[in-house]
Amino acid sequence: MTMLAVNENTLQTNLKQQGVTLVDFGATWCPPCKVLKPILDELGNEYGDKLTVLEVDCDESPDAASEFGVMSMPTVIAFHNGVPVEKLVGLRPKAVYENLIAKYM
C-alpha cells in the first residue's frame, strides 16, 4: 500500500483500528521529509495490507500536528490498533522503521 495523504479532517477516519499505521508528519519544503517519503513508500509496498502509511502536511494541517505534539519534521508516529505507541523524530535509517513495524505486527 502506498502512502495516503490525509489532513486533520480525514486523519482519524484513516487510522486503522487493527494493525499498524505509520503517520508521517512533514512538509513539502522539508529536505529530510523528501528523503523519508520514498523509504515509507517502499515499506508500504513491502508490507502491503499489513501496514497503513499516512502522510500529513503540517503546513496544511497544523491542528493535527499540534494534537500529536509534533515539534519538528519529519516526525513519524506509530499507531497500533488505533492508539499512538511510539514517536520517531527526525530522519532515521530504513531499518529503524522496519524494527518499529516488526515490534507491533
PDB file of N, CA and C in Angstrom:
ATOM      1  N   MET A   1       0.849  -1.188   0.000  1.00  0.00           N
ATOM      2  CA  MET A   1       0.000   0.000   0.000  1.00  0.00           C
ATOM      3  C   MET A   1       0.887   1.241   0.000  1.00  0.00           C
ATOM      4  N   THR A   2       0.639   2.152  -0.886  1.00  0.00           N
ATOM      5  CA  THR A   2       1.418   3.385  -0.935  1.00  0.00           C
ATOM      6  C   THR A   2       0.880   4.381   0.081  1.00  0.00           C
ATOM      7  N   MET A   3       1.663   5.425   0.324  1.00  0.00           N
ATOM      8  CA  MET A   3       1.268   6.439   1.297  1.00  0.00           C
ATOM      9  C   MET A   3      -0.009   7.140   0.860  1.00  0.00           C
ATOM     10  N   LEU A   4      -0.846   7.416   1.833  1.00  0.00           N
ATOM     11  CA  LEU A   4      -2.098   8.123   1.590  1.00  0.00           C
ATOM     12  C   LEU A   4      -2.007   9.488   2.265  1.00  0.00           C
ATOM     13  N   ALA A   5      -2.171  10.550   1.497  1.00  0.00           N
ATOM     14  CA  ALA A   5      -2.157  11.902   2.054  1.00  0.00           C
ATOM     15  C   ALA A   5      -3.485  12.158   2.762  1.00  0.00           C
ATOM     16  N   VAL A   6      -3.393  12.582   4.007  1.00  0.00           N
ATOM     17  CA  VAL A   6      -4.587  12.900   4.797  1.00  0.00           C
ATOM     18  C   VAL A   6      -4.414  14.287   5.404  1.00  0.00           C
ATOM     19  N   ASN A   7      -5.506  14.834   5.921  1.00  0.00           N
ATOM     20  CA  ASN A   7      -5.438  16.115   6.617  1.00  0.00           C
ATOM     21  C   ASN A   7      -6.085  15.959   7.985  1.00  0.00           C
ATOM     22  N   GLU A   8      -6.195  17.064   8.715  1.00  0.00           N
ATOM     23  CA  GLU A   8      -6.739  16.965  10.070  1.00  0.00           C
ATOM     24  C   GLU A   8      -8.186  16.484  10.094  1.00  0.00           C
ATOM     25  N   ASN A   9      -8.898  16.629   8.980  1.00  0.00           N
ATOM     26  CA  ASN A   9     -10.286  16.168   8.913  1.00  0.00           C
ATOM     27  C   ASN A   9     -10.397  14.677   8.603  1.00  0.00           C
ATOM     28  N   THR A  10      -9.420  14.121   7.906  1.00  0.00           N
ATOM     29  CA  THR A  10      -9.516  12.716   7.478  1.00  0.00           C
ATOM     30  C   THR A  10      -8.544  11.786   8.198  1.00  0.00           C
ATOM     31  N   LEU A  11      -7.675  12.333   9.044  1.00  0.00           N
ATOM     32  CA  LEU A  11      -6.671  11.510   9.731  1.00  0.00           C
ATOM     33  C   LEU A  11      -7.310  10.415  10.575  1.00  0.00           C
ATOM     34  N   GLN A  12      -8.227  10.778  11.442  1.00  0.00           N
ATOM     35  CA  GLN A  12      -8.827   9.797  12.359  1.00  0.00           C
ATOM     36  C   GLN A  12      -9.567   8.688  11.610  1.00  0.00           C
ATOM     37  N   THR A  13     -10.243   9.034  10.529  1.00  0.00           N
ATOM     38  CA  THR A  13     -11.013   8.016   9.809  1.00  0.00           C
ATOM     39  C   THR A  13     -10.113   7.055   9.044  1.00  0.00           C
ATOM     40  N   ASN A  14      -8.855   7.452   8.778  1.00  0.00           N
ATOM     41  CA  ASN A  14      -7.939   6.586   8.044  1.00  0.00           C
ATOM     42  C   ASN A  14      -7.006   5.782   8.941  1.00  0.00           C
ATOM     43  N   LEU A  15      -7.023   6.062  10.244  1.00  0.00           N
ATOM     44  CA  LEU A  15      -6.221   5.263  11.166  1.00  0.00           C
ATOM     45  C   LEU A  15      -6.851   3.877  11.295  1.00  0.00           C
ATOM     46  N   LYS A  16      -6.060   2.857  11.054  1.00  0.00           N
ATOM     47  CA  LYS A  16      -6.589   1.500  11.172  1.00  0.00           C
ATOM     48  C   LYS A  16      -6.815   1.162  12.644  1.00  0.00           C
ATOM     49  N   GLN A  17      -7.959   0.606  12.934  1.00  0.00           N
ATOM     50  CA  GLN A  17      -8.250   0.204  14.309  1.00  0.00           C
ATOM     51  C   GLN A  17      -7.620  -1.147  14.642  1.00  0.00           C
ATOM     52  N   GLN A  18      -7.208  -1.866  13.628  1.00  0.00           N
ATOM     53  CA  GLN A  18      -6.500  -3.129  13.804  1.00  0.00           C
ATOM     54  C   GLN A  18      -5.183  -3.038  13.042  1.00  0.00           C
ATOM     55  N   GLY A  19      -4.104  -3.469  13.653  1.00  0.00           N
ATOM     56  CA  GLY A  19      -2.819  -3.485  12.971  1.00  0.00           C
ATOM     57  C   GLY A  19      -2.011  -2.223  13.182  1.00  0.00           C
ATOM     58  N   VAL A  20      -1.041  -2.033  12.295  1.00  0.00           N
ATOM     59  CA  VAL A  20      -0.061  -0.960  12.440  1.00  0.00           C
ATOM     60  C   VAL A  20      -0.299   0.131  11.387  1.00  0.00           C
ATOM     61  N   THR A  21      -0.271   1.377  11.856  1.00  0.00           N
ATOM     62  CA  THR A  21      -0.355   2.539  10.981  1.00  0.00           C
ATOM     63  C   THR A  21       0.818   3.453  11.319  1.00  0.00           C
ATOM     64  N   LEU A  22       1.551   3.894  10.297  1.00  0.00           N
ATOM     65  CA  LEU A  22       2.578   4.912  10.479  1.00  0.00           C
ATOM     66  C   LEU A  22       2.039   6.212   9.915  1.00  0.00           C
ATOM     67  N   VAL A  23       2.145   7.285  10.704  1.00  0.00           N
ATOM     68  CA  VAL A  23       1.716   8.598  10.238  1.00  0.00           C
ATOM     69  C   VAL A  23       2.947   9.490  10.163  1.00  0.00           C
ATOM     70  N   ASP A  24       3.243   9.948   8.951  1.00  0.00           N
ATOM     71  CA  ASP A  24       4.393  10.804   8.685  1.00  0.00           C
ATOM     72  C   ASP A  24       3.940  12.256   8.687  1.00  0.00           C
ATOM     73  N   PHE A  25       4.439  13.026   9.659  1.00  0.00           N
ATOM     74  CA  PHE A  25       4.152  14.455   9.732  1.00  0.00           C
ATOM     75  C   PHE A  25       5.340  15.192   9.127  1.00  0.00           C
ATOM     76  N   GLY A  26       5.093  15.917   8.030  1.00  0.00           N
ATOM     77  CA  GLY A  26       6.180  16.619   7.352  1.00  0.00           C
ATOM     78  C   GLY A  26       5.655  17.806   6.579  1.00  0.00           C
ATOM     79  N   ALA A  27       6.477  18.275   5.627  1.00  0.00           N
ATOM     80  CA  ALA A  27       6.096  19.403   4.776  1.00  0.00           C
ATOM     81  C   ALA A  27       6.823  19.273   3.446  1.00  0.00           C
ATOM     82  N   THR A  28       6.250  19.857   2.415  1.00  0.00           N
ATOM     83  CA  THR A  28       6.822  19.730   1.072  1.00  0.00           C
ATOM     84  C   THR A  28       8.182  20.412   0.959  1.00  0.00           C
ATOM     85  N   TRP A  29       8.440  21.428   1.758  1.00  0.00           N
ATOM     86  CA  TRP A  29       9.694  22.177   1.687  1.00  0.00           C
ATOM     87  C   TRP A  29      10.806  21.569   2.545  1.00  0.00           C
ATOM     88  N   CYS A  30      10.526  20.533   3.311  1.00  0.00           N
ATOM     89  CA  CYS A  30      11.449  19.942   4.282  1.00  0.00           C
ATOM     90  C   CYS A  30      12.368  18.902   3.608  1.00  0.00           C
ATOM     91  N   PRO A  31      13.684  19.176   3.475  1.00  0.00           N
ATOM     92  CA  PRO A  31      14.583  18.223   2.806  1.00  0.00           C
ATOM     93  C   PRO A  31      14.598  16.816   3.423  1.00  0.00           C
ATOM     94  N   PRO A  32      14.694  16.657   4.770  1.00  0.00           N
ATOM     95  CA  PRO A  32      14.672  15.297   5.315  1.00  0.00           C
ATOM     96  C   PRO A  32      13.344  14.576   5.045  1.00  0.00           C
ATOM     97  N   CYS A  33      12.260  15.334   4.965  1.00  0.00           N
ATOM     98  CA  CYS A  33      10.951  14.743   4.657  1.00  0.00           C
ATOM     99  C   CYS A  33      10.946  14.153   3.251  1.00  0.00           C
ATOM    100  N   LYS A  34      11.629  14.839   2.329  1.00  0.00           N
ATOM    101  CA  LYS A  34      11.720  14.357   0.956  1.00  0.00           C
ATOM    102  C   LYS A  34      12.512  13.061   0.871  1.00  0.00           C
ATOM    103  N   VAL A  35      13.501  12.899   1.745  1.00  0.00           N
ATOM    104  CA  VAL A  35      14.298  11.667   1.789  1.00  0.00           C
ATOM    105  C   VAL A  35      13.485  10.537   2.422  1.00  0.00           C
ATOM    106  N   LEU A  36      12.693  10.870   3.438  1.00  0.00           N
ATOM    107  CA  LEU A  36      11.909   9.862   4.152  1.00  0.00           C
ATOM    108  C   LEU A  36      10.766   9.295   3.321  1.00  0.00           C
ATOM    109  N   LYS A  37      10.137  10.122   2.507  1.00  0.00           N
ATOM    110  CA  LYS A  37       8.948   9.683   1.762  1.00  0.00           C
ATOM    111  C   LYS A  37       9.168   8.404   0.955  1.00  0.00           C
ATOM    112  N   PRO A  38      10.252   8.283   0.140  1.00  0.00           N
ATOM    113  CA  PRO A  38      10.437   7.030  -0.612  1.00  0.00           C
ATOM    114  C   PRO A  38      10.682   5.821   0.288  1.00  0.00           C
ATOM    115  N   ILE A  39      11.286   6.041   1.453  1.00  0.00           N
ATOM    116  CA  ILE A  39      11.504   4.939   2.406  1.00  0.00           C
ATOM    117  C   ILE A  39      10.156   4.418   2.898  1.00  0.00           C
ATOM    118  N   LEU A  40       9.271   5.326   3.285  1.00  0.00           N
ATOM    119  CA  LEU A  40       7.951   4.918   3.779  1.00  0.00           C
ATOM    120  C   LEU A  40       7.097   4.325   2.661  1.00  0.00           C
ATOM    121  N   ASP A  41       7.231   4.862   1.453  1.00  0.00           N
ATOM    122  CA  ASP A  41       6.527   4.281   0.293  1.00  0.00           C
ATOM    123  C   ASP A  41       6.961   2.835   0.086  1.00  0.00           C
ATOM    124  N   GLU A  42       8.264   2.625   0.161  1.00  0.00           N
ATOM    125  CA  GLU A  42       8.821   1.284  -0.024  1.00  0.00           C
ATOM    126  C   GLU A  42       8.307   0.324   1.050  1.00  0.00           C
ATOM    127  N   LEU A  43       8.292   0.775   2.292  1.00  0.00           N
ATOM    128  CA  LEU A  43       7.783  -0.064   3.382  1.00  0.00           C
ATOM    129  C   LEU A  43       6.301  -0.379   3.177  1.00  0.00           C
ATOM    130  N   GLY A  44       5.545   0.612   2.744  1.00  0.00           N
ATOM    131  CA  GLY A  44       4.127   0.397   2.471  1.00  0.00           C
ATOM    132  C   GLY A  44       3.923  -0.669   1.416  1.00  0.00           C
ATOM    133  N   ASN A  45       4.750  -0.648   0.386  1.00  0.00           N
ATOM    134  CA  ASN A  45       4.653  -1.651  -0.678  1.00  0.00           C
ATOM    135  C   ASN A  45       5.103  -3.025  -0.204  1.00  0.00           C
ATOM    136  N   GLU A  46       6.157  -3.065   0.620  1.00  0.00           N
ATOM    137  CA  GLU A  46       6.679  -4.344   1.116  1.00  0.00           C
ATOM    138  C   GLU A  46       5.685  -5.046   2.048  1.00  0.00           C
ATOM    139  N   TYR A  47       5.036  -4.291   2.918  1.00  0.00           N
ATOM    140  CA  TYR A  47       4.131  -4.889   3.895  1.00  0.00           C
ATOM    141  C   TYR A  47       2.702  -5.017   3.388  1.00  0.00           C
ATOM    142  N   GLY A  48       2.374  -4.348   2.303  1.00  0.00           N
ATOM    143  CA  GLY A  48       1.044  -4.454   1.710  1.00  0.00           C
ATOM    144  C   GLY A  48      -0.067  -4.074   2.671  1.00  0.00           C
ATOM    145  N   ASP A  49      -1.078  -4.944   2.763  1.00  0.00           N
ATOM    146  CA  ASP A  49      -2.252  -4.661   3.598  1.00  0.00           C
ATOM    147  C   ASP A  49      -1.973  -4.752   5.096  1.00  0.00           C
ATOM    148  N   LYS A  50      -0.800  -5.247   5.473  1.00  0.00           N
ATOM    149  CA  LYS A  50      -0.464  -5.382   6.892  1.00  0.00           C
ATOM    150  C   LYS A  50      -0.081  -4.041   7.526  1.00  0.00           C
ATOM    151  N   LEU A  51       0.203  -3.053   6.672  1.00  0.00           N
ATOM    152  CA  LEU A  51       0.667  -1.752   7.148  1.00  0.00           C
ATOM    153  C   LEU A  51      -0.062  -0.636   6.409  1.00  0.00           C
ATOM    154  N   THR A  52      -0.467   0.379   7.157  1.00  0.00           N
ATOM    155  CA  THR A  52      -1.037   1.585   6.564  1.00  0.00           C
ATOM    156  C   THR A  52      -0.042   2.716   6.803  1.00  0.00           C
ATOM    157  N   VAL A  53       0.260   3.487   5.764  1.00  0.00           N
ATOM    158  CA  VAL A  53       1.158   4.634   5.889  1.00  0.00           C
ATOM    159  C   VAL A  53       0.397   5.884   5.459  1.00  0.00           C
ATOM    160  N   LEU A  54       0.281   6.820   6.389  1.00  0.00           N
ATOM    161  CA  LEU A  54      -0.430   8.070   6.130  1.00  0.00           C
ATOM    162  C   LEU A  54       0.551   9.237   6.162  1.00  0.00           C
ATOM    163  N   GLU A  55       0.264  10.250   5.394  1.00  0.00           N
ATOM    164  CA  GLU A  55       1.127  11.424   5.302  1.00  0.00           C
ATOM    165  C   GLU A  55       0.311  12.667   5.637  1.00  0.00           C
ATOM    166  N   VAL A  56       0.808  13.463   6.595  1.00  0.00           N
ATOM    167  CA  VAL A  56       0.142  14.701   6.992  1.00  0.00           C
ATOM    168  C   VAL A  56       1.087  15.864   6.709  1.00  0.00           C
ATOM    169  N   ASP A  57       0.632  16.831   5.923  1.00  0.00           N
ATOM    170  CA  ASP A  57       1.403  18.045   5.670  1.00  0.00           C
ATOM    171  C   ASP A  57       1.112  19.013   6.819  1.00  0.00           C
ATOM    172  N   CYS A  58       2.134  19.284   7.622  1.00  0.00           N
ATOM    173  CA  CYS A  58       1.949  20.123   8.813  1.00  0.00           C
ATOM    174  C   CYS A  58       1.543  21.557   8.477  1.00  0.00           C
ATOM    175  N   ASP A  59       1.937  22.035   7.279  1.00  0.00           N
ATOM    176  CA  ASP A  59       1.535  23.384   6.875  1.00  0.00           C
ATOM    177  C   ASP A  59       0.040  23.446   6.584  1.00  0.00           C
ATOM    178  N   GLU A  60      -0.502  22.374   6.026  1.00  0.00           N
ATOM    179  CA  GLU A  60      -1.920  22.337   5.682  1.00  0.00           C
ATOM    180  C   GLU A  60      -2.797  21.874   6.847  1.00  0.00           C
ATOM    181  N   SER A  61      -2.207  21.143   7.790  1.00  0.00           N
ATOM    182  CA  SER A  61      -2.968  20.587   8.919  1.00  0.00           C
ATOM    183  C   SER A  61      -2.260  20.862  10.245  1.00  0.00           C
ATOM    184  N   PRO A  62      -2.104  22.141  10.613  1.00  0.00           N
ATOM    185  CA  PRO A  62      -1.384  22.459  11.846  1.00  0.00           C
ATOM    186  C   PRO A  62      -2.067  21.932  13.110  1.00  0.00           C
ATOM    187  N   ASP A  63      -3.391  21.821  13.089  1.00  0.00           N
ATOM    188  CA  ASP A  63      -4.095  21.321  14.272  1.00  0.00           C
ATOM    189  C   ASP A  63      -3.772  19.850  14.527  1.00  0.00           C
ATOM    190  N   ALA A  64      -3.646  19.068  13.465  1.00  0.00           N
ATOM    191  CA  ALA A  64      -3.292  17.649  13.616  1.00  0.00           C
ATOM    192  C   ALA A  64      -1.881  17.527  14.180  1.00  0.00           C
ATOM    193  N   ALA A  65      -0.962  18.335  13.660  1.00  0.00           N
ATOM    194  CA  ALA A  65       0.413  18.312  14.158  1.00  0.00           C
ATOM    195  C   ALA A  65       0.452  18.697  15.633  1.00  0.00           C
ATOM    196  N   SER A  66      -0.298  19.707  15.984  1.00  0.00           N
ATOM    197  CA  SER A  66      -0.354  20.170  17.368  1.00  0.00           C
ATOM    198  C   SER A  66      -0.968  19.107  18.283  1.00  0.00           C
ATOM    199  N   GLU A  67      -2.023  18.471  17.823  1.00  0.00           N
ATOM    200  CA  GLU A  67      -2.707  17.443  18.608  1.00  0.00           C
ATOM    201  C   GLU A  67      -1.763  16.312  19.009  1.00  0.00           C
ATOM    202  N   PHE A  68      -0.834  15.963  18.114  1.00  0.00           N
ATOM    203  CA  PHE A  68       0.086  14.868  18.395  1.00  0.00           C
ATOM    204  C   PHE A  68       1.462  15.343  18.855  1.00  0.00           C
ATOM    205  N   GLY A  69       1.590  16.611  19.194  1.00  0.00           N
ATOM    206  CA  GLY A  69       2.824  17.129  19.765  1.00  0.00           C
ATOM    207  C   GLY A  69       4.006  17.141  18.811  1.00  0.00           C
ATOM    208  N   VAL A  70       3.734  17.354  17.529  1.00  0.00           N
ATOM    209  CA  VAL A  70       4.812  17.397  16.539  1.00  0.00           C
ATOM    210  C   VAL A  70       5.516  18.748  16.657  1.00  0.00           C
ATOM    211  N   MET A  71       6.805  18.703  17.000  1.00  0.00           N
ATOM    212  CA  MET A  71       7.587  19.924  17.191  1.00  0.00           C
ATOM    213  C   MET A  71       8.596  20.149  16.070  1.00  0.00           C
ATOM    214  N   SER A  72       8.983  19.062  15.381  1.00  0.00           N
ATOM    215  CA  SER A  72       9.911  19.199  14.263  1.00  0.00           C
ATOM    216  C   SER A  72       9.592  18.129  13.226  1.00  0.00           C
ATOM    217  N   MET A  73      10.122  18.337  12.032  1.00  0.00           N
ATOM    218  CA  MET A  73       9.803  17.433  10.931  1.00  0.00           C
ATOM    219  C   MET A  73      11.074  16.820  10.369  1.00  0.00           C
ATOM    220  N   PRO A  74      10.988  15.609   9.898  1.00  0.00           N
ATOM    221  CA  PRO A  74       9.810  14.743   9.927  1.00  0.00           C
ATOM    222  C   PRO A  74       9.625  14.098  11.299  1.00  0.00           C
ATOM    223  N   THR A  75       8.385  13.821  11.617  1.00  0.00           N
ATOM    224  CA  THR A  75       8.027  13.040  12.794  1.00  0.00           C
ATOM    225  C   THR A  75       7.116  11.918  12.322  1.00  0.00           C
ATOM    226  N   VAL A  76       7.470  10.697  12.693  1.00  0.00           N
ATOM    227  CA  VAL A  76       6.644   9.534  12.360  1.00  0.00           C
ATOM    228  C   VAL A  76       6.073   8.989  13.661  1.00  0.00           C
ATOM    229  N   ILE A  77       4.757   8.884  13.708  1.00  0.00           N
ATOM    230  CA  ILE A  77       4.099   8.308  14.884  1.00  0.00           C
ATOM    231  C   ILE A  77       3.521   6.963  14.477  1.00  0.00           C
ATOM    232  N   ALA A  78       3.868   5.945  15.263  1.00  0.00           N
ATOM    233  CA  ALA A  78       3.354   4.600  15.023  1.00  0.00           C
ATOM    234  C   ALA A  78       2.106   4.405  15.864  1.00  0.00           C
ATOM    235  N   PHE A  79       1.060   3.903  15.223  1.00  0.00           N
ATOM    236  CA  PHE A  79      -0.193   3.575  15.897  1.00  0.00           C
ATOM    237  C   PHE A  79      -0.382   2.067  15.830  1.00  0.00           C
ATOM    238  N   HIS A  80      -0.780   1.483  16.946  1.00  0.00           N
ATOM    239  CA  HIS A  80      -1.107   0.056  16.982  1.00  0.00           C
ATOM    240  C   HIS A  80      -2.548  -0.065  17.431  1.00  0.00           C
ATOM    241  N   ASN A  81      -3.370  -0.634  16.575  1.00  0.00           N
ATOM    242  CA  ASN A  81      -4.803  -0.762  16.845  1.00  0.00           C
ATOM    243  C   ASN A  81      -5.445   0.591  17.157  1.00  0.00           C
ATOM    244  N   GLY A  82      -5.009   1.628  16.416  1.00  0.00           N
ATOM    245  CA  GLY A  82      -5.601   2.955  16.539  1.00  0.00           C
ATOM    246  C   GLY A  82      -5.065   3.810  17.660  1.00  0.00           C
ATOM    247  N   VAL A  83      -4.098   3.295  18.437  1.00  0.00           N
ATOM    248  CA  VAL A  83      -3.555   4.018  19.585  1.00  0.00           C
ATOM    249  C   VAL A  83      -2.099   4.391  19.301  1.00  0.00           C
ATOM    250  N   PRO A  84      -1.706   5.666  19.519  1.00  0.00           N
ATOM    251  CA  PRO A  84      -0.301   6.023  19.296  1.00  0.00           C
ATOM    252  C   PRO A  84       0.600   5.315  20.310  1.00  0.00           C
ATOM    253  N   VAL A  85       1.645   4.651  19.808  1.00  0.00           N
ATOM    254  CA  VAL A  85       2.524   3.881  20.689  1.00  0.00           C
ATOM    255  C   VAL A  85       3.972   4.365  20.701  1.00  0.00           C
ATOM    256  N   GLU A  86       4.443   4.931  19.591  1.00  0.00           N
ATOM    257  CA  GLU A  86       5.821   5.428  19.539  1.00  0.00           C
ATOM    258  C   GLU A  86       5.926   6.603  18.586  1.00  0.00           C
ATOM    259  N   LYS A  87       6.901   7.474  18.890  1.00  0.00           N
ATOM    260  CA  LYS A  87       7.139   8.656  18.046  1.00  0.00           C
ATOM    261  C   LYS A  87       8.625   8.699  17.700  1.00  0.00           C
ATOM    262  N   LEU A  88       8.916   8.793  16.404  1.00  0.00           N
ATOM    263  CA  LEU A  88      10.290   8.944  15.929  1.00  0.00           C
ATOM    264  C   LEU A  88      10.442  10.335  15.333  1.00  0.00           C
ATOM    265  N   VAL A  89      11.328  11.135  15.912  1.00  0.00           N
ATOM    266  CA  VAL A  89      11.546  12.491  15.440  1.00  0.00           C
ATOM    267  C   VAL A  89      12.843  12.532  14.643  1.00  0.00           C
ATOM    268  N   GLY A  90      12.763  13.094  13.446  1.00  0.00           N
ATOM    269  CA  GLY A  90      13.935  13.179  12.588  1.00  0.00           C
ATOM    270  C   GLY A  90      14.025  11.996  11.646  1.00  0.00           C
ATOM    271  N   LEU A  91      14.902  12.126  10.669  1.00  0.00           N
ATOM    272  CA  LEU A  91      15.103  11.084   9.668  1.00  0.00           C
ATOM    273  C   LEU A  91      15.906   9.947  10.281  1.00  0.00           C
ATOM    274  N   ARG A  92      15.438   8.725  10.088  1.00  0.00           N
ATOM    275  CA  ARG A  92      16.118   7.531  10.602  1.00  0.00           C
ATOM    276  C   ARG A  92      16.373   6.565   9.450  1.00  0.00           C
ATOM    277  N   PRO A  93      17.318   5.636   9.638  1.00  0.00           N
ATOM    278  CA  PRO A  93      17.540   4.621   8.594  1.00  0.00           C
ATOM    279  C   PRO A  93      16.312   3.717   8.448  1.00  0.00           C
ATOM    280  N   LYS A  94      16.162   3.126   7.274  1.00  0.00           N
ATOM    281  CA  LYS A  94      15.019   2.269   6.992  1.00  0.00           C
ATOM    282  C   LYS A  94      14.872   1.166   8.040  1.00  0.00           C
ATOM    283  N   ALA A  95      15.991   0.616   8.497  1.00  0.00           N
ATOM    284  CA  ALA A  95      15.966  -0.481   9.474  1.00  0.00           C
ATOM    285  C   ALA A  95      15.251  -0.090  10.766  1.00  0.00           C
ATOM    286  N   VAL A  96      15.341   1.167  11.158  1.00  0.00           N
ATOM    287  CA  VAL A  96      14.676   1.631  12.382  1.00  0.00           C
ATOM    288  C   VAL A  96      13.160   1.526  12.217  1.00  0.00           C
ATOM    289  N   TYR A  97      12.668   1.915  11.047  1.00  0.00           N
ATOM    290  CA  TYR A  97      11.232   1.837  10.783  1.00  0.00           C
ATOM    291  C   TYR A  97      10.793   0.373  10.663  1.00  0.00           C
ATOM    292  N   GLU A  98      11.633  -0.455  10.060  1.00  0.00           N
ATOM    293  CA  GLU A  98      11.318  -1.891   9.943  1.00  0.00           C
ATOM    294  C   GLU A  98      11.217  -2.534  11.320  1.00  0.00           C
ATOM    295  N   ASN A  99      12.154  -2.192  12.223  1.00  0.00           N
ATOM    296  CA  ASN A  99      12.107  -2.747  13.580  1.00  0.00           C
ATOM    297  C   ASN A  99      10.880  -2.263  14.344  1.00  0.00           C
ATOM    298  N   LEU A 100      10.511  -1.014  14.132  1.00  0.00           N
ATOM    299  CA  LEU A 100       9.306  -0.471  14.777  1.00  0.00           C
ATOM    300  C   LEU A 100       8.061  -1.222  14.305  1.00  0.00           C
ATOM    301  N   ILE A 101       7.959  -1.441  13.001  1.00  0.00           N
ATOM    302  CA  ILE A 101       6.817  -2.158  12.445  1.00  0.00           C
ATOM    303  C   ILE A 101       6.774  -3.588  12.997  1.00  0.00           C
ATOM    304  N   ALA A 102       7.920  -4.253  12.993  1.00  0.00           N
ATOM    305  CA  ALA A 102       8.001  -5.654  13.455  1.00  0.00           C
ATOM    306  C   ALA A 102       7.580  -5.773  14.921  1.00  0.00           C
ATOM    307  N   LYS A 103       7.880  -4.765  15.709  1.00  0.00           N
ATOM    308  CA  LYS A 103       7.555  -4.768  17.136  1.00  0.00           C
ATOM    309  C   LYS A 103       6.049  -4.869  17.391  1.00  0.00           C
ATOM    310  N   TYR A 104       5.251  -4.284  16.470  1.00  0.00           N
ATOM    311  CA  TYR A 104       3.799  -4.231  16.682  1.00  0.00           C
ATOM    312  C   TYR A 104       2.993  -5.124  15.743  1.00  0.00           C
ATOM    313  N   MET A 105       3.672  -5.856  14.860  1.00  0.00           N
ATOM    314  CA  MET A 105       2.938  -6.750  13.928  1.00  0.00           C
ATOM    315  C   MET A 105       2.487  -7.993  14.659  1.00  0.00           C
TER     316      MET A 105
END
